[in-house]
Amino acid sequence: RKIKLPEIPSTVFELNEVIANPLASADDIARIVSKSPSLAAILLKIVNSPIYAFPTKIDTISRAVTLIGTEEVSGLATGISTITIFKDISDDMIDMHLFLKHSLICAIISRVLCAYKNITQTEQLFVSGLLHDIGRLVLYKYYPEQAKKILIRAESSKELLHKQEKKDIGCTHADIGSDLLKKWKIPFSIKNNLLYHHNPSGANNQAHVTIVHLADIIAHSLEIGTSGERFVPNFDHRAFDSLRISPSCFDSAIRLATHQFNAIESFFN
């Protein structure tokens, strides 16, 4: 079935144009972000958190762009702006505070795991983690009755949500999220991470997708927030083996990610 997809937020549209313009400057990024005081406040909170651990406080978006780069600030702003267009979803459908907690811990774990694979595209992995279940929000917002049926059937049959979605509507939240980012012209790598996060073995850029896949599983295991899924997703052993991260590294990564999450989670309430 054809799924209705929301239009691109104006902030994301403007950021896409600026990033595509080789003559654009850090001030251009800062100007767009600063149009939204709430977005600017969240960004500064993240930049001043243990995620970046700068020795002195960053007071302006312009300074943040200078320190972490135009692409990283743009990516963070895109992720936050995307989540906020779904903030009016009814609590009867999903508790958006809990959804955001799940998304945020996935984003942080994804970013932390980058360090263990020497992956430099930390912003892309953070945004991928933040948006990995965005397709579910599309269902919750535009197809609430169908989404409720999927949730009920999945729970009663003890089926994973993405498998129940496929049975009921012929596609999954991963497909929907990927289609949404394609429509909005978000970078291919982020779109790909969303599309394959339940099946990283099927992806070309397997290391990146596997990190988001593992972050999702860890978040469910830690029971931090929820996207509506009642069960821990299946673990792709083949993809994990190809990543070659030791269990001890996972322990330290989870401790670090949990510390970073606790430092900024209250701000998102």
Foldseek 3Di string as FASTA:
>chain_A
DDADADDQDPLLLQLVVQVPDPPHDLVSNQVSQVVDVVSFVLLQLLCQFPLPPDVDRDDGSSVVCVPPHSVLSSLSSRLVVLLVVLVPQDVVQPDSLLVQQLLQLLLLLLLLVCVVLVNPVSSLLSSLSNCLQVLLSSCRPPPVVLSVVLLVVCVVVVHWSQVSCCVRPVGGSLVSSLVNCVNSVNDPVSSQLSNCLLPLVPGDVSLSNLSSVVSSLVSVVVVRGDSSTPDRGDHDVVSVVVNPDDPVSVVVSSVSSVSRCVRCSVVVD
